[in-house]
Protein backbone atom coordinates (compact mmCIF):
# COMPACT_ATOMS: atom_id res chain seq x y z
CA MET A 1 -14.83 -84.27 -45.44
CA PRO A 2 -12.47 -85.35 -48.20
CA PRO A 3 -9.80 -87.90 -47.22
CA TRP A 4 -6.91 -85.60 -48.22
CA PHE A 5 -8.20 -82.94 -45.75
CA GLU A 6 -8.31 -85.46 -42.87
CA THR A 7 -4.77 -86.61 -43.77
CA THR A 8 -3.55 -83.00 -43.84
CA LEU A 9 -5.12 -82.32 -40.43
CA ALA A 10 -3.48 -85.46 -39.00
CA ILE A 11 -0.07 -84.44 -40.36
CA ILE A 12 -0.44 -80.88 -39.00
CA ALA A 13 -1.49 -82.29 -35.58
CA ALA A 14 1.54 -84.62 -35.58
CA ILE A 15 3.90 -81.76 -36.43
CA ALA A 16 2.34 -79.59 -33.71
CA ALA A 17 2.72 -82.43 -31.19
CA VAL A 18 6.42 -82.80 -32.08
CA PHE A 19 6.99 -79.07 -31.56
CA PHE A 20 4.99 -79.09 -28.30
CA PHE A 21 6.94 -82.01 -26.83
CA GLY A 22 10.22 -80.47 -27.99
CA LYS A 23 9.39 -77.22 -26.16
CA TYR A 24 8.25 -79.22 -23.11
CA ARG A 25 11.56 -81.13 -23.00
CA GLU A 26 13.49 -77.89 -23.39
CA ALA A 27 11.56 -76.26 -20.53
CA ALA A 28 12.02 -79.35 -18.33
CA ALA A 29 15.77 -79.36 -19.01
CA ALA A 30 16.02 -75.64 -18.20
CA LEU A 31 14.10 -76.19 -14.95
CA HIS A 32 16.35 -79.10 -14.01
CA GLU A 33 19.46 -76.99 -14.72
CA SER A 34 18.14 -74.07 -12.66
CA GLU A 35 17.44 -76.39 -9.72
CA ARG A 36 20.96 -77.81 -9.98
CA MET A 37 22.49 -74.32 -10.04
CA LYS A 38 20.30 -73.26 -7.10
CA ARG A 39 21.65 -76.14 -5.00
CA LYS A 40 25.24 -75.38 -6.04
CA LEU A 41 24.91 -71.67 -5.29
CA SER A 42 23.20 -72.45 -1.98
CA LYS A 43 26.20 -74.58 -0.94
CA ASP A 44 28.55 -71.77 -2.00
CA LEU A 45 26.52 -69.27 0.02
CA ASP A 46 26.70 -71.49 3.10
CA ARG A 47 30.46 -71.72 2.72
CA TYR A 48 30.87 -67.95 2.32
CA ARG A 49 28.45 -67.28 5.19
CA ASP A 50 30.92 -69.03 7.50
CA VAL A 51 33.95 -66.97 6.39
CA PRO A 52 33.47 -64.00 8.79
CA GLN A 53 32.86 -66.43 11.65
CA LEU A 54 36.01 -68.38 10.81
CA ARG A 55 38.03 -65.17 10.60
CA ALA A 56 36.71 -64.12 14.02
CA LEU A 57 37.62 -67.56 15.42
CA ARG A 58 41.13 -67.35 13.94
CA ASP A 59 41.61 -63.82 15.28
CA GLY A 60 40.34 -64.85 18.72
CA LEU A 61 42.56 -67.90 18.91
CA ILE A 62 45.76 -66.14 17.84
CA GLY A 63 45.17 -63.19 20.16
CA GLU A 64 44.30 -60.43 17.69
CA ARG A 65 40.80 -60.27 19.11
CA ASN A 66 39.88 -60.57 22.78
CA LEU A 67 37.62 -63.44 23.77
CA PRO A 68 35.61 -63.32 27.02
CA VAL A 69 37.67 -64.72 29.94
CA ASP A 70 36.19 -66.26 33.11
CA ASP A 71 37.66 -66.24 36.66
CA GLU A 72 39.73 -69.40 36.02
CA GLY A 73 41.41 -67.86 32.96
CA ARG A 74 39.52 -69.89 30.36
CA GLU A 75 38.34 -68.15 27.21
CA HIS A 76 34.84 -68.81 25.86
CA LEU A 77 33.32 -68.56 22.44
CA LEU A 78 30.09 -69.53 20.72
CA ILE A 79 30.28 -70.72 17.15
CA ARG A 80 27.85 -72.48 14.82
CA ASP A 81 28.65 -75.96 13.50
CA SER A 82 27.86 -77.27 10.01
CA ALA A 83 24.24 -77.92 11.06
CA ARG A 84 24.02 -74.22 12.09
CA LYS A 85 23.61 -75.17 15.79
CA LEU A 86 25.44 -73.18 18.47
CA VAL A 87 28.47 -74.83 20.08
CA HIS A 88 30.19 -73.51 23.23
CA ILE A 89 33.98 -73.85 23.14
CA THR A 90 36.23 -73.28 26.14
CA VAL A 91 39.92 -72.60 25.55
CA GLN A 92 42.80 -72.67 28.05
CA ARG A 93 45.44 -70.81 26.08
CA SER A 94 49.17 -70.71 26.07
CA ALA A 95 50.10 -69.04 22.80
CA ALA A 96 53.57 -68.18 21.57
CA PRO A 97 54.73 -66.89 18.18
CA VAL A 98 56.78 -69.32 16.09
CA ALA A 99 59.69 -68.37 13.85
CA LYS A 100 59.56 -69.54 10.23
CA GLU A 101 62.41 -72.02 10.54
CA ASP A 102 61.26 -73.51 13.88
CA VAL A 103 59.44 -76.86 14.02
CA VAL A 104 56.83 -77.26 16.76
CA HIS A 105 56.40 -80.72 18.31
CA TYR A 106 53.64 -82.24 20.43
CA ARG A 107 53.62 -85.47 22.42
CA VAL A 108 51.18 -88.34 21.87
CA GLY A 109 51.59 -91.58 23.79
CA GLY A 110 55.11 -90.63 24.78
CA GLU A 111 56.16 -90.04 21.17
CA GLU A 112 57.00 -86.58 19.82
CA ARG A 113 55.39 -85.62 16.52
CA PRO A 114 55.79 -82.47 14.41
CA LEU A 115 52.75 -80.19 14.37
CA GLN A 116 51.35 -79.38 10.91
CA GLU A 117 49.88 -75.97 10.05
CA LEU A 118 46.12 -75.90 9.48
CA GLU A 119 45.18 -75.18 5.89
């Protein structure tokens, strides 16, 4: 084989290798990005999966929805925690509506503190 032919083949192989590794890097970057988005969307789905449960909890606690009541007057509910395990909560309720301008206080260690709204 003439030397110019071997040189041409080596140059063509080098160019093909550059294109191959460029495509490989592009595919690896796309795969990495898709895995990152999958994790992000999975976290979003977990958050939105809890929304109906949190609404039901809110409605049960403020009296818009009836919770099961035992003989002692305690209300019971089952809810899943962040690890998706069931937790049994017992509530002894005394609920009263609050006017907008009223400030509700609670006592801790003999000291009265204003109660903040959950957000």
